[in-house]
Protein backbone atom coordinates (compact mmCIF):
# COMPACT_ATOMS: atom_id res chain seq x y z
CA MET A 1 -46.48 41.74 16.31
CA LEU A 2 -47.04 41.40 12.56
CA GLN A 3 -50.22 43.06 11.29
CA SER A 4 -50.49 41.98 7.63
CA SER A 5 -50.03 39.03 5.31
CA SER A 6 -47.26 40.92 3.50
CA ALA A 7 -45.33 41.34 6.77
CA VAL A 8 -45.69 37.61 7.53
CA ILE A 9 -44.35 36.67 4.09
CA GLN A 10 -41.33 38.94 4.59
CA ALA A 11 -40.66 37.53 8.07
CA LEU A 12 -40.70 33.97 6.68
CA GLY A 13 -38.08 34.78 4.04
CA GLY A 14 -39.96 36.36 1.17
CA THR A 15 -42.12 35.24 -1.75
CA ILE A 16 -39.96 32.37 -3.06
CA LYS A 17 -39.35 30.88 0.39
CA VAL A 18 -43.04 30.93 1.36
CA ALA A 19 -43.98 29.47 -2.04
CA GLU A 20 -41.66 26.55 -1.29
CA LEU A 21 -43.09 26.11 2.22
CA LEU A 22 -46.67 25.99 0.93
CA GLU A 23 -45.80 24.19 -2.33
CA VAL A 24 -47.56 26.78 -4.49
CA GLY A 25 -46.43 29.16 -7.24
CA SER A 26 -44.88 32.56 -6.60
CA SER A 27 -47.90 34.27 -8.20
CA ALA A 28 -50.11 32.80 -5.46
CA ILE A 29 -47.90 34.36 -2.80
CA SER A 30 -48.11 37.72 -4.57
CA ASN A 31 -51.90 37.44 -4.38
CA TYR A 32 -51.65 36.61 -0.67
CA ARG A 33 -49.69 39.84 -0.13
CA LYS A 34 -52.49 41.86 -1.69
CA ASN A 35 -55.63 39.95 -0.70
CA GLY A 36 -54.66 38.16 2.50
CA PHE A 37 -54.27 34.44 3.19
CA PRO A 38 -57.05 32.05 2.10
CA PRO A 39 -58.41 29.76 4.83
CA ARG A 40 -56.69 26.67 3.37
CA VAL A 41 -53.19 28.00 4.16
CA CYS A 42 -53.88 29.81 7.43
CA PHE A 43 -53.44 26.76 9.68
CA ALA A 44 -50.16 25.73 8.04
CA LEU A 45 -48.73 29.24 8.25
CA ALA A 46 -49.87 29.67 11.84
CA LYS A 47 -47.96 26.49 12.79
CA ILE A 48 -44.83 27.65 10.93
CA CYS A 49 -44.93 31.08 12.60
CA SER A 50 -45.48 29.52 16.01
CA ALA A 51 -42.50 27.18 15.53
CA GLN A 52 -40.30 30.15 14.61
CA ASN A 53 -41.65 32.26 17.49
CA ILE A 54 -43.04 34.87 15.05
CA GLN A 55 -45.83 36.85 16.70
CA VAL A 56 -48.77 37.49 14.34
CA ALA A 57 -51.99 39.39 15.03
CA SER A 58 -54.95 37.02 15.04
CA HIS A 59 -56.83 38.81 12.25
CA VAL A 60 -54.03 38.03 9.75
CA PHE A 61 -55.09 34.37 9.84
CA GLY A 62 -58.80 35.18 9.66
CA LEU A 63 -59.56 35.11 13.38
CA PRO A 64 -61.32 37.89 15.31
CA ASN A 65 -58.90 40.72 16.06
CA ALA A 66 -58.74 40.16 19.80
CA GLU A 67 -55.92 42.69 20.18
CA ASN A 68 -57.98 45.80 19.51
CA THR A 69 -61.52 45.12 18.23
CA SER A 70 -63.17 45.36 21.64
CA TRP A 71 -62.01 48.85 22.61
CA ARG A 72 -62.54 50.21 19.10
CA ARG A 73 -66.11 48.94 19.00
CA GLN A 74 -66.94 50.37 22.44
CA ALA A 75 -65.35 53.70 21.59
CA ALA A 76 -67.10 53.91 18.23
CA VAL A 77 -70.56 53.26 19.62
CA GLY A 78 -70.19 55.33 22.77
CA GLY A 79 -68.26 58.23 21.34
CA GLY A 80 -70.33 58.41 18.18
CA GLN A 81 -73.59 58.73 20.10
CA ALA A 82 -72.12 61.41 22.34
CA HIS A 83 -71.34 63.66 19.38
CA LEU A 84 -74.50 63.19 17.31
CA GLU A 85 -75.89 66.42 18.78
CA LEU A 86 -73.87 68.18 16.10
CA PHE A 87 -76.17 66.72 13.44
CA LYS A 88 -79.34 67.64 15.35
CA THR A 89 -78.18 71.22 15.80
CA ALA A 90 -77.56 71.45 12.04
CA GLY A 91 -81.17 70.47 11.34
CA PHE A 92 -80.81 66.75 10.59
CA GLU A 93 -83.39 64.18 11.72
CA LEU A 94 -82.45 60.70 13.00
CA ILE A 95 -83.42 57.82 10.70
CA GLU A 96 -83.05 54.14 11.58
CA ASN A 97 -82.79 51.43 8.93
CA PRO A 98 -83.11 47.62 9.16
CA VAL A 99 -79.88 45.63 9.06
CA LEU A 100 -81.45 43.16 6.60
CA GLN A 101 -82.01 44.68 3.17
CA PRO A 102 -83.04 43.40 -0.27
CA ALA A 103 -79.81 42.67 -2.11
CA ASP A 104 -80.80 43.81 -5.61
CA PRO A 105 -80.43 47.59 -5.07
CA PHE A 106 -76.90 47.14 -3.74
CA ILE A 107 -75.95 44.70 -6.51
CA GLU A 108 -77.30 46.99 -9.24
CA LEU A 109 -76.28 50.40 -7.90
CA MET A 110 -73.07 50.14 -5.88
CA GLY A 111 -70.79 48.85 -8.63
CA GLU A 112 -68.45 45.89 -9.04
CA GLU A 113 -66.25 46.80 -6.07
CA MET A 114 -69.10 46.53 -3.56
CA ARG A 115 -70.88 43.67 -5.30
CA ARG A 116 -68.02 41.32 -4.40
CA ARG A 117 -68.22 42.34 -0.75
CA LEU A 118 -71.88 41.73 0.05
CA PHE A 119 -72.99 39.14 2.61
CA THR A 120 -76.03 37.67 0.84
CA PHE A 121 -78.46 34.83 1.53
CA THR A 122 -81.89 33.64 0.39
CA ASP A 123 -84.86 33.82 2.74
CA PRO A 124 -87.46 30.99 2.98
CA VAL A 125 -89.66 32.53 0.24
CA GLY A 126 -86.79 32.89 -2.20
CA GLU A 127 -85.90 36.60 -1.92
CA THR A 128 -82.20 37.45 -1.91
CA LEU A 129 -81.30 39.55 1.12
CA CYS A 130 -78.06 41.02 2.39
CA LEU A 131 -76.55 42.61 5.46
CA ARG A 132 -76.44 46.33 4.69
CA PRO A 133 -72.95 47.26 3.41
CA ASP A 134 -73.72 50.97 3.64
CA LEU A 135 -76.52 53.14 5.03
CA THR A 136 -77.09 55.55 2.14
CA ILE A 137 -79.22 53.22 0.01
CA PRO A 138 -81.39 52.08 2.98
CA THR A 139 -81.96 55.75 3.89
CA ALA A 140 -82.95 56.59 0.31
CA ARG A 141 -85.29 53.58 0.11
CA GLN A 142 -87.03 54.53 3.33
CA TYR A 143 -87.43 58.13 2.13
CA ILE A 144 -89.07 56.91 -1.11
CA GLN A 145 -91.35 54.50 0.76
CA GLN A 146 -92.67 57.40 2.86
CA GLY A 147 -93.94 58.96 -0.37
CA LYS A 148 -93.78 62.62 0.76
CA PHE A 149 -90.86 63.77 -1.41
CA GLU A 150 -90.23 66.89 0.61
CA GLN A 151 -86.69 68.12 1.13
CA SER A 152 -85.34 66.05 4.02
CA GLN A 153 -82.13 65.99 6.02
CA TYR A 154 -81.31 62.75 7.83
CA TYR A 155 -78.51 61.47 10.04
CA TYR A 156 -77.86 57.87 11.05
CA SER A 157 -75.55 55.72 13.12
CA GLY A 158 -75.38 51.97 12.66
CA THR A 159 -73.37 48.91 11.78
CA ALA A 160 -72.44 48.18 8.16
CA PHE A 161 -71.12 44.84 6.90
CA ARG A 162 -68.62 44.19 4.09
CA TYR A 163 -66.65 41.08 3.28
CA GLN A 164 -62.87 41.52 3.54
CA PRO A 165 -60.18 39.10 2.33
CA ARG A 166 -58.82 37.00 5.17
CA GLY A 167 -55.85 38.70 6.77
CA ALA A 168 -56.52 42.08 5.15
CA GLY A 169 -56.62 43.72 8.57
CA LYS A 170 -59.92 45.45 7.83
CA PRO A 171 -63.09 44.78 9.87
CA GLU A 172 -66.05 43.12 8.21
CA GLU A 173 -68.43 45.09 10.41
CA PHE A 174 -67.98 48.72 11.35
CA THR A 175 -69.93 51.66 12.75
CA GLN A 176 -71.00 54.10 10.06
CA VAL A 177 -72.21 57.58 11.03
CA GLY A 178 -73.49 59.83 8.28
CA ILE A 179 -75.82 62.50 6.95
CA GLU A 180 -77.93 62.81 3.78
CA ILE A 181 -79.76 65.74 2.15
CA LEU A 182 -82.51 64.32 -0.08
CA ASN A 183 -84.53 66.25 -2.69
CA ALA A 184 -82.16 69.18 -2.31
CA ASP A 185 -82.64 72.53 -4.07
CA THR A 186 -81.62 72.36 -7.74
CA ALA A 187 -80.58 76.03 -8.07
CA MET A 188 -76.85 75.97 -8.81
CA GLN A 189 -75.84 78.19 -5.89
CA ASN A 190 -77.83 76.00 -3.50
CA ILE A 191 -76.38 72.78 -4.92
CA VAL A 192 -72.93 74.02 -3.94
CA VAL A 193 -74.22 75.18 -0.54
CA ASP A 194 -75.60 71.70 0.23
CA GLU A 195 -72.41 69.97 -0.88
CA VAL A 196 -70.25 72.21 1.27
CA LYS A 197 -72.70 71.89 4.17
CA VAL A 198 -72.31 68.10 4.19
CA LEU A 199 -68.52 68.32 4.01
CA ASN A 200 -68.34 71.08 6.63
CA ILE A 201 -70.45 69.15 9.15
CA LEU A 202 -68.39 65.98 8.71
CA VAL A 203 -65.13 67.93 9.08
CA ASP A 204 -66.48 69.47 12.31
CA PHE A 205 -67.54 66.02 13.49
CA ILE A 206 -64.08 64.58 12.81
CA ARG A 207 -62.36 67.47 14.57
CA ASP A 208 -64.69 66.95 17.55
CA GLN A 209 -63.24 63.43 17.80
CA ASP A 210 -59.72 64.95 18.20
CA VAL A 211 -58.62 64.09 14.66
CA THR A 212 -56.99 67.30 13.45
CA LYS A 213 -54.42 66.03 10.93
CA PHE A 214 -56.04 64.81 7.75
CA ASP A 215 -55.94 65.24 3.98
CA LEU A 216 -58.93 66.24 1.84
CA PHE A 217 -59.21 64.81 -1.68
CA ILE A 218 -61.91 65.99 -4.08
CA ASN A 219 -63.06 64.65 -7.42
CA ASP A 220 -65.80 65.86 -9.77
CA LEU A 221 -67.49 63.33 -12.04
CA GLU A 222 -69.33 66.17 -13.80
CA LEU A 223 -65.99 67.59 -14.90
CA PHE A 224 -65.10 64.27 -16.55
CA SER A 225 -68.45 64.30 -18.39
CA ALA A 226 -67.95 67.92 -19.48
CA ILE A 227 -64.51 67.16 -20.92
CA LEU A 228 -65.91 64.18 -22.85
CA GLN A 229 -68.57 66.49 -24.24
CA ASP A 230 -66.00 69.07 -25.32
CA LEU A 231 -63.91 66.33 -26.96
CA LYS A 232 -66.83 65.83 -29.39
CA LEU A 233 -67.23 62.13 -28.67
CA THR A 234 -70.36 60.30 -29.76
CA ASP A 235 -73.15 59.81 -27.21
CA ARG A 236 -72.41 56.09 -27.07
CA GLN A 237 -68.69 56.68 -26.48
CA GLN A 238 -69.46 59.16 -23.69
CA ILE A 239 -71.87 56.75 -21.99
CA ARG A 240 -69.36 53.89 -22.08
CA LEU A 241 -66.50 56.04 -20.83
CA ARG A 242 -68.54 57.55 -17.98
CA ARG A 243 -69.62 54.09 -16.88
CA SER A 244 -66.13 52.60 -17.01
CA TYR A 245 -64.64 55.69 -15.33
CA SER A 246 -66.95 55.08 -12.38
CA HIS A 247 -65.94 51.43 -12.24
CA GLY A 248 -62.26 52.39 -12.45
CA SER A 249 -60.60 49.13 -13.43
CA SER A 250 -62.45 48.81 -16.76
CA LEU A 251 -61.50 52.22 -18.18
CA GLU A 252 -58.42 50.98 -20.06
CA LEU A 253 -60.39 48.10 -21.57
CA THR A 254 -63.09 50.50 -22.78
CA LEU A 255 -60.50 52.82 -24.32
CA SER A 256 -58.84 49.95 -26.18
CA GLN A 257 -62.21 48.78 -27.54
CA LEU A 258 -63.09 52.30 -28.70
CA ILE A 259 -59.72 52.70 -30.39
CA SER A 260 -60.01 49.32 -32.16
CA PRO A 261 -63.70 48.29 -32.08
CA PRO A 262 -64.06 44.49 -32.01
CA PRO A 263 -65.88 43.03 -35.01
CA VAL A 264 -69.60 42.46 -34.45
CA THR A 265 -71.82 40.31 -36.62
CA ARG A 266 -75.58 40.14 -36.48
CA SER A 267 -76.63 37.34 -34.17
CA SER A 268 -78.81 34.46 -35.22
CA VAL A 269 -80.86 34.89 -32.03
CA MET A 270 -84.26 35.08 -33.73
CA LEU A 271 -87.40 33.68 -32.18
CA GLU A 272 -90.57 32.27 -33.61
CA PRO A 273 -93.52 34.74 -33.66
CA ASN A 274 -95.26 32.95 -30.79
CA GLN A 275 -92.05 33.26 -28.71
CA ALA A 276 -91.57 36.99 -29.16
CA ASN A 277 -91.91 37.65 -25.42
CA ARG A 278 -89.53 34.90 -24.46
CA VAL A 279 -86.81 35.93 -21.99
CA ILE A 280 -83.21 34.80 -22.56
CA ALA A 281 -80.65 35.23 -19.78
CA GLY A 282 -82.89 37.80 -18.09
CA ARG A 283 -83.44 39.91 -21.24
CA SER A 284 -86.32 40.07 -23.71
CA GLN A 285 -85.71 39.58 -27.43
CA GLU A 286 -86.37 43.28 -27.93
CA GLU A 287 -83.67 44.19 -25.40
CA ILE A 288 -81.22 41.73 -26.94
CA MET A 289 -81.72 43.10 -30.44
CA ALA A 290 -81.47 46.72 -29.24
CA ARG A 291 -78.20 45.93 -27.47
CA LEU A 292 -76.91 44.20 -30.59
CA GLN A 293 -77.83 47.23 -32.72
CA ASP A 294 -75.92 49.47 -30.30
CA LYS A 295 -72.84 47.31 -30.74
CA LEU A 296 -73.21 47.33 -34.52
CA ASP A 297 -73.53 51.13 -34.52
CA GLU A 298 -70.46 51.38 -32.29
CA ALA A 299 -68.43 49.05 -34.50
CA ASN A 300 -69.29 51.19 -37.53
CA ALA A 301 -68.52 54.49 -35.78
CA GLU A 302 -65.30 56.42 -36.17
CA PRO A 303 -62.65 54.84 -33.90
CA LEU A 304 -61.44 56.86 -30.94
CA ALA A 305 -58.23 58.70 -31.77
CA GLU A 306 -55.10 57.65 -29.86
CA GLU A 307 -54.46 61.30 -28.98
CA THR A 308 -57.93 61.62 -27.44
CA ALA A 309 -57.49 58.36 -25.52
CA ALA A 310 -54.19 59.66 -24.12
CA LYS A 311 -55.95 62.77 -22.80
CA ILE A 312 -58.62 60.63 -21.12
CA ARG A 313 -55.99 58.39 -19.51
CA ALA A 314 -54.11 61.44 -18.22
CA LEU A 315 -57.34 62.93 -16.89
CA ALA A 316 -58.23 59.70 -15.06
CA ALA A 317 -54.82 59.83 -13.32
CA LEU A 318 -54.79 63.57 -12.55
CA ASN A 319 -53.69 64.52 -9.03
CA CYS A 320 -52.98 68.19 -8.26
CA PRO A 321 -53.71 71.02 -5.80
CA VAL A 322 -57.25 72.28 -6.41
CA ASP A 323 -56.08 75.81 -7.22
CA GLU A 324 -53.94 74.43 -10.05
CA LEU A 325 -56.69 72.45 -11.79
CA ARG A 326 -56.97 74.63 -14.91
CA ALA A 327 -53.21 74.61 -15.45
CA ALA A 328 -53.06 70.84 -14.85
CA LEU A 329 -55.79 70.20 -17.45
CA ARG A 330 -53.96 72.31 -20.02
CA SER A 331 -50.72 70.47 -19.25
CA ILE A 332 -52.29 67.15 -20.31
CA GLY A 333 -53.62 68.64 -23.53
CA VAL A 334 -57.23 69.41 -22.57
CA THR A 335 -58.57 72.46 -24.39
CA ILE A 336 -61.03 74.22 -22.09
CA HIS A 337 -64.18 74.83 -24.13
CA LYS A 338 -67.64 75.85 -22.92
CA ALA A 339 -68.79 72.72 -21.03
CA THR A 340 -65.42 72.22 -19.35
CA ASP A 341 -65.13 75.90 -18.42
CA GLU A 342 -68.58 75.86 -16.78
CA ALA A 343 -67.70 72.70 -14.82
CA ILE A 344 -64.42 74.23 -13.62
CA ARG A 345 -66.18 77.43 -12.56
CA ARG A 346 -68.61 75.40 -10.44
CA PHE A 347 -65.65 73.48 -9.02
CA GLU A 348 -63.83 76.73 -8.15
CA THR A 349 -66.96 78.14 -6.49
CA ARG A 350 -67.21 74.99 -4.41
CA ILE A 351 -63.55 75.21 -3.36
CA SER A 352 -64.00 78.85 -2.36
CA GLU A 353 -66.91 77.87 -0.09
CA ILE A 354 -64.99 74.92 1.36
CA THR A 355 -62.01 77.07 2.31
CA LYS A 356 -64.29 79.61 4.02
CA ARG A 357 -66.73 77.31 5.80
CA CYS A 358 -64.47 74.35 6.57
CA VAL A 359 -61.44 76.55 7.35
CA ILE A 360 -59.11 74.56 5.09
CA GLU A 361 -56.47 76.22 2.94
CA PRO A 362 -56.68 75.48 -0.82
CA SER A 363 -53.09 74.18 -0.69
CA ALA A 364 -54.29 71.44 1.69
CA ILE A 365 -56.99 70.20 -0.73
CA ARG A 366 -56.15 68.09 -3.76
CA PHE A 367 -58.08 67.19 -6.87
CA CYS A 368 -57.58 63.45 -7.33
CA ALA A 369 -59.35 61.75 -10.24
CA LYS A 370 -58.86 58.28 -8.74
CA ARG A 371 -60.81 59.11 -5.58
CA GLY A 372 -64.49 58.44 -4.95
CA ARG A 373 -65.12 56.19 -7.94
CA LYS A 374 -65.75 52.85 -6.23
CA LEU A 375 -69.41 53.53 -5.40
CA ALA A 376 -71.08 53.64 -8.79
CA TYR A 377 -74.06 55.78 -7.74
CA TYR A 378 -72.07 59.03 -7.39
CA THR A 379 -72.80 61.56 -10.17
CA GLY A 380 -70.85 64.76 -9.40
CA PHE A 381 -68.86 66.17 -6.49
CA VAL A 382 -67.16 63.48 -4.39
CA PHE A 383 -64.71 63.71 -1.49
CA GLU A 384 -62.54 61.57 0.74
CA ILE A 385 -61.00 62.60 4.06
CA CYS A 386 -57.86 60.59 4.76
CA VAL A 387 -55.41 60.01 7.60
CA PRO A 388 -52.36 58.56 5.77
CA ALA A 389 -50.91 57.00 8.94
CA LEU A 390 -53.76 54.48 8.94
CA GLY A 391 -52.42 52.80 5.79
CA PRO A 392 -55.12 50.59 4.20
CA ARG A 393 -57.76 52.17 6.48
CA GLN A 394 -56.75 55.76 5.75
CA VAL A 395 -60.15 56.88 4.37
CA VAL A 396 -62.00 57.97 7.52
CA ALA A 397 -64.88 59.76 5.76
CA SER A 398 -66.26 59.98 2.23
CA GLY A 399 -69.30 61.18 0.36
CA GLY A 400 -70.65 63.19 -2.52
CA ARG A 401 -73.55 63.88 -4.87
CA TYR A 402 -75.78 61.08 -6.19
CA ASP A 403 -78.59 62.69 -8.17
CA GLU A 404 -79.66 59.53 -10.03
CA LEU A 405 -79.91 57.13 -7.07
CA LEU A 406 -83.42 58.02 -5.92
CA SER A 407 -84.87 57.57 -9.41
CA ALA A 408 -83.06 54.25 -9.76
CA LEU A 409 -84.65 53.13 -6.48
CA GLY A 410 -88.16 53.94 -7.72
CA ALA A 411 -88.80 57.63 -7.01
CA PRO A 412 -91.52 58.91 -9.41
CA GLU A 413 -89.43 61.91 -10.49
CA PRO A 414 -85.75 62.94 -10.57
CA LEU A 415 -84.61 64.01 -7.09
CA THR A 416 -81.22 65.43 -6.16
CA ALA A 417 -79.22 64.16 -3.19
CA VAL A 418 -75.89 64.61 -1.45
CA GLY A 419 -74.41 63.02 1.67
CA GLY A 420 -71.41 61.57 3.43
CA ALA A 421 -70.38 59.07 6.08
CA VAL A 422 -67.68 58.45 8.69
CA SER A 423 -66.20 55.15 9.86
CA MET A 424 -66.07 55.53 13.64
CA GLU A 425 -63.53 52.74 14.22
CA ARG A 426 -61.09 54.45 11.86
CA ILE A 427 -61.75 57.83 13.50
CA TYR A 428 -60.92 56.45 16.94
CA GLU A 429 -57.84 54.70 15.64
CA ALA A 430 -56.72 57.98 14.05
CA ALA A 431 -57.44 59.93 17.25
CA GLY A 432 -55.46 57.42 19.28
CA GLY A 433 -52.55 57.61 16.87
CA GLN A 434 -52.49 61.42 16.81
CA SER A 435 -52.73 61.87 20.56
CA ASN A 436 -50.38 59.04 21.51
CA ALA A 437 -48.83 56.95 18.72
CA ALA A 438 -47.78 54.26 21.17
CA LYS A 439 -51.42 53.39 21.91
CA THR A 440 -52.26 52.44 18.32
CA THR A 441 -50.77 49.67 16.23
CA LEU A 442 -50.89 50.92 12.65
CA PRO A 443 -51.23 48.59 9.64
CA ASP A 444 -48.73 48.06 6.87
CA PRO A 445 -48.85 51.34 4.85
CA SER A 446 -47.84 49.50 1.67
CA SER A 447 -51.32 47.93 1.43
CA GLU A 448 -53.89 49.47 -0.88
CA THR A 449 -56.35 52.05 0.45
CA SER A 450 -59.97 51.30 1.19
CA GLU A 451 -63.12 53.39 0.98
CA ILE A 452 -65.80 53.88 3.65
């Protein structure tokens, strides 16, 4: 039984043949391979496949996945609850969050990747709400609303909702189990301890579910910032590059604009004195003029050198064993000055603790600069635990440090935080595949990966 849109296209004769059948261009079919079939073509393709006796899983054409959703959901809810004692024993307190949440915090803080995947609607009084796509932000909001601001450790288990392209083979609702340490100790040795504690508990949790074969990928957004600092970039250049690095897809565009700044001329957006407080497109005149001045300053600044841009590109693509990080940085031309050296030392301390407490050999852990950048609120250490056999659902757990999130949500002072979450459906699929491969139908591994 075919499990993906790409497999269906191949079975029907390939891109050109399917383009002819649907009377569309080849580029449209290429998009269908990546993003799944849009509703307007599902009925036609279902008829064609039926006529040719091609068996296709129902979710490929946007229908509920009757083949396996039921047992995964039951296993996720039942099994997850049975193992939550691990979190209690480690000192975490259960927190429960409403499914309905105000949409603005997710739109503003989760980044472009998540913004496109929210289920939003407007309530009768005009507020925009959404189904929670993740449980970290609701947990942080509830902590702030309590107003105590003591160090707190929470665990949760609940359903999250994210839009998926039709036929992508990924569920739009899934059980997320996770832990958060809020207002953590800011002493450097304790920061590392908390980060490793979160990772260690999630690794133990995953192993308790009989998933023993997995890969651990680690990234460090602080290291990227430290290297930018050592490269002697301007403050504005560093801010833009950090922001686009977190967004991922916009990094190359930012680099090209810094290498060849686009011309900027002073705008004629000037208001009459009695309209000084007028708002245009959601911004005040003062904000508009300040933003314009930033662009003028940037256009007049020294362009980014091609050599420096090449180092940043290589850094953003770096993938190496964690114990080879220093050598890998030198191999792409990064000179390790003070800020970078300090960031690497913290990274090495963290790895040492991970290998001891999580019982994972350094050779089994990789530094991967492309990992953990889709959720824009992360600020430092990030990790992903992957089971490659799951193809597009290979990320079974992820997390990291997000020291700026609580302030962005309204906390009266800066508060540190670190946490992580597990997708229970993926964990049970991985456990089924590792114990008996015949029980689990795995997706097309050629599809792109997906985060928790």
